[in-house]
Every structure is written in structure tokens, then in C-alpha cells.
Amino acid sequence: MKKTEKVLALLSLISIILKIFSIEGAIFLSALFFGILAFFYLFLNFILLNAIPFKNIFKKKAYTNISLKRIVWAIFVGMIFFIAVMAILFGLNKWGGGSFLLIIGSLLLFLVAVISLIWYIFYHSYYNFMILMRSTILIVVCLTLIVANFF
């Protein structure tokens, strides 16, 4: 799952570079790769964050040591990441509502980052650290696009 996320993120970055150089088809590729990454976060984030191997997704024993709170938090974080990635897509292509989505996405990501930081300080879990790192990266990208769109 981590490899899938990294490949999708890399392909999304390549589509941004193609858009910067005004290569034909870059908007289509950015919509494709950011869309796949967004839906990856929406539907599979709890599997990614809880380090469940892809072959064990449908096995009950893969979820025995994971609390309900952790699964619910991962699903909620996945929804926030979905909003943030779609906001990046809309902001990057300067589509309608992109600036609004970037602001909402940044605020929600900030909330997730603060909660994850607090939980990381108290519990020192790798789970919260991974959420914090992903949130921070997405916040930086969102804020960069907000600044770029307003100036």
C-alpha cells in the first residue's frame, strides 16, 4: 500500500511538472493521478495507516489488534486527505472553487495535524506520526497553492 501511495504521489508530481512546462495533456494527467490518489485516500486510508498488508484486507485477524477508535480516526483522516488532494487538483488547474477548497482543506488538515501531534506526544505511536507527516506535506502544498493563486 505504501508503494502504491508513493507511485501515485510521484505521478501526481510529474503531472504538475508537465503542467508547469505547458505540455499538452498535463491537465488530463493531473486530474487522473490526483483523482486516483484522492480516492485511494478516501477508500483505503485506514488500511494504509494501520499497516494492513493488501493480501490480508479481507481477513478478520488483520483487524483484531486495531481498536475501533483507530479505524474511525483513519477513515475520518482519509476523508480529510481526499478533500485536500481534490483541493490541490482544483487549485492547481485554477478550476472554480479551487481557492475555497484549498482554504477548507488547509484548515481541516491543520486540525488533523494538531490532534495527531497531541496524540503522538502522549502515545508515541508510529500511526500518529504517519498521519502527522502526511498532513504536514499536504498543508505545505495547499498553502503554497493558496499563495500562488492569490498573487
C-alpha atoms as a PDB file:
ATOM      1  CA  MET A   1       0.000   0.000   0.000  1.00  0.00           C
ATOM      2  CA  LYS A   2       2.804   2.405   0.788  1.00  0.00           C
ATOM      3  CA  LYS A   3       4.339   1.751  -2.613  1.00  0.00           C
ATOM      4  CA  THR A   4       1.009   2.490  -4.286  1.00  0.00           C
ATOM      5  CA  GLU A   5       0.762   5.783  -2.426  1.00  0.00           C
ATOM      6  CA  LYS A   6       4.318   6.741  -3.342  1.00  0.00           C
ATOM      7  CA  VAL A   7       3.812   5.874  -7.018  1.00  0.00           C
ATOM      8  CA  LEU A   8       0.574   7.884  -7.186  1.00  0.00           C
ATOM      9  CA  ALA A   9       2.217  10.832  -5.436  1.00  0.00           C
ATOM     10  CA  LEU A  10       5.176  10.678  -7.819  1.00  0.00           C
ATOM     11  CA  LEU A  11       2.891  10.514 -10.867  1.00  0.00           C
ATOM     12  CA  SER A  12       0.930  13.476  -9.490  1.00  0.00           C
ATOM     13  CA  LEU A  13       4.183  15.406  -9.065  1.00  0.00           C
ATOM     14  CA  ILE A  14       5.180  14.569 -12.639  1.00  0.00           C
ATOM     15  CA  SER A  15       1.820  15.858 -13.862  1.00  0.00           C
ATOM     16  CA  ILE A  16       2.477  19.132 -12.010  1.00  0.00           C
ATOM     17  CA  ILE A  17       5.864  19.439 -13.722  1.00  0.00           C
ATOM     18  CA  LEU A  18       4.237  18.734 -17.098  1.00  0.00           C
ATOM     19  CA  LYS A  19       1.659  21.441 -16.378  1.00  0.00           C
ATOM     20  CA  ILE A  20       4.383  23.935 -15.478  1.00  0.00           C
ATOM     21  CA  PHE A  21       6.051  23.307 -18.831  1.00  0.00           C
ATOM     22  CA  SER A  22       2.659  23.570 -20.632  1.00  0.00           C
ATOM     23  CA  ILE A  23       2.847  20.065 -22.060  1.00  0.00           C
ATOM     24  CA  GLU A  24      -0.331  19.048 -23.855  1.00  0.00           C
ATOM     25  CA  GLY A  25      -2.407  16.607 -21.815  1.00  0.00           C
ATOM     26  CA  ALA A  26      -0.976  17.690 -18.469  1.00  0.00           C
ATOM     27  CA  ILE A  27      -4.378  18.747 -17.132  1.00  0.00           C
ATOM     28  CA  PHE A  28      -5.833  15.363 -18.031  1.00  0.00           C
ATOM     29  CA  LEU A  29      -2.930  13.553 -16.356  1.00  0.00           C
ATOM     30  CA  SER A  30      -3.151  15.709 -13.240  1.00  0.00           C
ATOM     31  CA  ALA A  31      -6.890  15.064 -12.994  1.00  0.00           C
ATOM     32  CA  LEU A  32      -6.302  11.343 -13.465  1.00  0.00           C
ATOM     33  CA  PHE A  33      -3.462  10.909 -10.976  1.00  0.00           C
ATOM     34  CA  PHE A  34      -4.752  13.310  -8.326  1.00  0.00           C
ATOM     35  CA  GLY A  35      -8.200  11.738  -8.648  1.00  0.00           C
ATOM     36  CA  ILE A  36      -6.841   8.230  -8.164  1.00  0.00           C
ATOM     37  CA  LEU A  37      -4.737   9.405  -5.204  1.00  0.00           C
ATOM     38  CA  ALA A  38      -7.751  11.148  -3.668  1.00  0.00           C
ATOM     39  CA  PHE A  39      -9.936   8.056  -3.963  1.00  0.00           C
ATOM     40  CA  PHE A  40      -7.067   5.937  -2.652  1.00  0.00           C
ATOM     41  CA  TYR A  41      -7.076   8.065   0.495  1.00  0.00           C
ATOM     42  CA  LEU A  42     -10.858   8.049   0.706  1.00  0.00           C
ATOM     43  CA  PHE A  43     -11.367   4.297   0.477  1.00  0.00           C
ATOM     44  CA  LEU A  44      -8.071   2.709   1.532  1.00  0.00           C
ATOM     45  CA  ASN A  45      -6.539   5.128   4.032  1.00  0.00           C
ATOM     46  CA  PHE A  46      -7.471   3.066   7.087  1.00  0.00           C
ATOM     47  CA  ILE A  47      -5.646   0.097   5.552  1.00  0.00           C
ATOM     48  CA  LEU A  48      -2.612   2.241   4.726  1.00  0.00           C
ATOM     49  CA  LEU A  49      -2.348   3.895   8.150  1.00  0.00           C
ATOM     50  CA  ASN A  50      -2.930   0.685  10.079  1.00  0.00           C
ATOM     51  CA  ALA A  51      -0.235  -1.111   8.024  1.00  0.00           C
ATOM     52  CA  ILE A  52      -2.510  -3.910   6.898  1.00  0.00           C
ATOM     53  CA  PRO A  53      -0.951  -5.850   4.012  1.00  0.00           C
ATOM     54  CA  PHE A  54      -3.009  -5.862   0.830  1.00  0.00           C
ATOM     55  CA  LYS A  55      -3.341  -9.660   0.885  1.00  0.00           C
ATOM     56  CA  ASN A  56      -4.895  -9.510   4.386  1.00  0.00           C
ATOM     57  CA  ILE A  57      -7.522  -6.846   3.731  1.00  0.00           C
ATOM     58  CA  PHE A  58     -10.419  -9.288   3.906  1.00  0.00           C
ATOM     59  CA  LYS A  59      -9.072 -11.433   6.747  1.00  0.00           C
ATOM     60  CA  LYS A  60     -10.583 -10.894  10.159  1.00  0.00           C
ATOM     61  CA  LYS A  61      -7.328 -11.488  12.048  1.00  0.00           C
ATOM     62  CA  ALA A  62      -5.740  -8.448  10.377  1.00  0.00           C
ATOM     63  CA  TYR A  63      -8.103  -6.217  12.369  1.00  0.00           C
ATOM     64  CA  THR A  64      -8.024  -7.945  15.756  1.00  0.00           C
ATOM     65  CA  ASN A  65      -5.351  -5.704  17.311  1.00  0.00           C
ATOM     66  CA  ILE A  66      -6.774  -2.466  15.903  1.00  0.00           C
ATOM     67  CA  SER A  67      -9.212  -0.510  18.045  1.00  0.00           C
ATOM     68  CA  LEU A  68     -12.451   0.886  16.687  1.00  0.00           C
ATOM     69  CA  LYS A  69     -11.273   4.412  17.568  1.00  0.00           C
ATOM     70  CA  ARG A  70      -8.214   3.958  15.396  1.00  0.00           C
ATOM     71  CA  ILE A  71     -10.204   2.698  12.419  1.00  0.00           C
ATOM     72  CA  VAL A  72     -12.769   5.505  12.714  1.00  0.00           C
ATOM     73  CA  TRP A  73      -9.985   8.122  13.027  1.00  0.00           C
ATOM     74  CA  ALA A  74      -8.220   6.691   9.974  1.00  0.00           C
ATOM     75  CA  ILE A  75     -11.449   6.842   7.947  1.00  0.00           C
ATOM     76  CA  PHE A  76     -12.024  10.449   9.050  1.00  0.00           C
ATOM     77  CA  VAL A  77      -8.423  11.354   8.173  1.00  0.00           C
ATOM     78  CA  GLY A  78      -8.906   9.656   4.800  1.00  0.00           C
ATOM     79  CA  MET A  79     -11.891  11.916   4.099  1.00  0.00           C
ATOM     80  CA  ILE A  80      -9.830  14.985   5.008  1.00  0.00           C
ATOM     81  CA  PHE A  81      -6.952  13.823   2.801  1.00  0.00           C
ATOM     82  CA  PHE A  82      -9.473  13.276  -0.022  1.00  0.00           C
ATOM     83  CA  ILE A  83     -10.713  16.860   0.341  1.00  0.00           C
ATOM     84  CA  ALA A  84      -7.139  18.182   0.447  1.00  0.00           C
ATOM     85  CA  VAL A  85      -5.989  16.277  -2.638  1.00  0.00           C
ATOM     86  CA  MET A  86      -9.067  17.353  -4.594  1.00  0.00           C
ATOM     87  CA  ALA A  87      -8.433  20.929  -3.416  1.00  0.00           C
ATOM     88  CA  ILE A  88      -4.872  20.678  -4.721  1.00  0.00           C
ATOM     89  CA  LEU A  89      -6.208  19.418  -8.047  1.00  0.00           C
ATOM     90  CA  PHE A  90      -8.742  22.250  -8.325  1.00  0.00           C
ATOM     91  CA  GLY A  91      -6.248  24.887  -7.139  1.00  0.00           C
ATOM     92  CA  LEU A  92      -3.533  23.664  -9.470  1.00  0.00           C
ATOM     93  CA  ASN A  93      -5.799  23.812 -12.524  1.00  0.00           C
ATOM     94  CA  LYS A  94      -7.481  27.049 -11.356  1.00  0.00           C
ATOM     95  CA  TRP A  95     -10.925  25.497 -11.600  1.00  0.00           C
ATOM     96  CA  GLY A  96     -13.926  27.110  -9.939  1.00  0.00           C
ATOM     97  CA  GLY A  97     -13.977  26.774  -6.181  1.00  0.00           C
ATOM     98  CA  GLY A  98     -10.303  25.853  -6.000  1.00  0.00           C
ATOM     99  CA  SER A  99      -9.332  28.647  -3.616  1.00  0.00           C
ATOM    100  CA  PHE A 100     -12.244  27.874  -1.302  1.00  0.00           C
ATOM    101  CA  LEU A 101     -11.383  24.171  -1.291  1.00  0.00           C
ATOM    102  CA  LEU A 102      -7.735  24.948  -0.576  1.00  0.00           C
ATOM    103  CA  ILE A 103      -8.663  27.065   2.436  1.00  0.00           C
ATOM    104  CA  ILE A 104     -11.115  24.475   3.797  1.00  0.00           C
ATOM    105  CA  GLY A 105      -8.648  21.664   3.118  1.00  0.00           C
ATOM    106  CA  SER A 106      -5.828  23.534   4.866  1.00  0.00           C
ATOM    107  CA  LEU A 107      -7.958  24.220   7.927  1.00  0.00           C
ATOM    108  CA  LEU A 108      -9.109  20.610   8.176  1.00  0.00           C
ATOM    109  CA  LEU A 109      -5.561  19.348   7.667  1.00  0.00           C
ATOM    110  CA  PHE A 110      -4.342  21.715  10.373  1.00  0.00           C
ATOM    111  CA  LEU A 111      -6.966  20.276  12.739  1.00  0.00           C
ATOM    112  CA  VAL A 112      -5.870  16.720  11.909  1.00  0.00           C
ATOM    113  CA  ALA A 113      -2.191  17.658  12.330  1.00  0.00           C
ATOM    114  CA  VAL A 114      -2.783  19.239  15.747  1.00  0.00           C
ATOM    115  CA  ILE A 115      -4.783  16.258  17.017  1.00  0.00           C
ATOM    116  CA  SER A 116      -2.194  13.818  15.660  1.00  0.00           C
ATOM    117  CA  LEU A 117       0.624  15.829  17.224  1.00  0.00           C
ATOM    118  CA  ILE A 118      -1.091  15.778  20.623  1.00  0.00           C
ATOM    119  CA  TRP A 119      -1.712  12.028  20.379  1.00  0.00           C
ATOM    120  CA  TYR A 120       1.857  11.480  19.207  1.00  0.00           C
ATOM    121  CA  ILE A 121       3.233  13.399  22.179  1.00  0.00           C
ATOM    122  CA  PHE A 122       1.176  11.322  24.613  1.00  0.00           C
ATOM    123  CA  TYR A 123       1.319   7.881  22.978  1.00  0.00           C
ATOM    124  CA  HIS A 124       4.480   7.991  20.781  1.00  0.00           C
ATOM    125  CA  SER A 125       2.797   5.861  18.156  1.00  0.00           C
ATOM    126  CA  TYR A 126       4.052   5.436  14.626  1.00  0.00           C
ATOM    127  CA  TYR A 127       0.429   5.605  13.484  1.00  0.00           C
ATOM    128  CA  ASN A 128       0.023   9.209  14.651  1.00  0.00           C
ATOM    129  CA  PHE A 129       3.465  10.116  13.321  1.00  0.00           C
ATOM    130  CA  MET A 130       2.486   8.935   9.821  1.00  0.00           C
ATOM    131  CA  ILE A 131      -0.738  10.953   9.924  1.00  0.00           C
ATOM    132  CA  LEU A 132       1.233  13.994  11.097  1.00  0.00           C
ATOM    133  CA  MET A 133       3.803  13.667   8.291  1.00  0.00           C
ATOM    134  CA  ARG A 134       1.178  13.246   5.544  1.00  0.00           C
ATOM    135  CA  SER A 135      -0.870  16.129   6.962  1.00  0.00           C
ATOM    136  CA  THR A 136       2.169  18.391   7.059  1.00  0.00           C
ATOM    137  CA  ILE A 137       3.095  17.643   3.445  1.00  0.00           C
ATOM    138  CA  LEU A 138      -0.465  18.290   2.271  1.00  0.00           C
ATOM    139  CA  ILE A 139      -0.682  21.512   4.328  1.00  0.00           C
ATOM    140  CA  VAL A 140       2.514  22.834   2.736  1.00  0.00           C
ATOM    141  CA  VAL A 141       1.222  22.075  -0.768  1.00  0.00           C
ATOM    142  CA  CYS A 142      -2.189  23.625  -0.034  1.00  0.00           C
ATOM    143  CA  LEU A 143      -0.683  26.782   1.451  1.00  0.00           C
ATOM    144  CA  THR A 144       1.730  27.094  -1.458  1.00  0.00           C
ATOM    145  CA  LEU A 145      -1.173  26.941  -3.901  1.00  0.00           C
ATOM    146  CA  ILE A 146      -3.195  29.424  -1.851  1.00  0.00           C
ATOM    147  CA  VAL A 147      -0.328  31.902  -2.007  1.00  0.00           C
ATOM    148  CA  ALA A 148       0.219  31.207  -5.722  1.00  0.00           C
ATOM    149  CA  ASN A 149      -3.481  31.693  -6.541  1.00  0.00           C
ATOM    150  CA  PHE A 150      -3.808  34.977  -4.653  1.00  0.00           C
ATOM    151  CA  PHE A 151      -0.664  36.592  -6.006  1.00  0.00           C
END
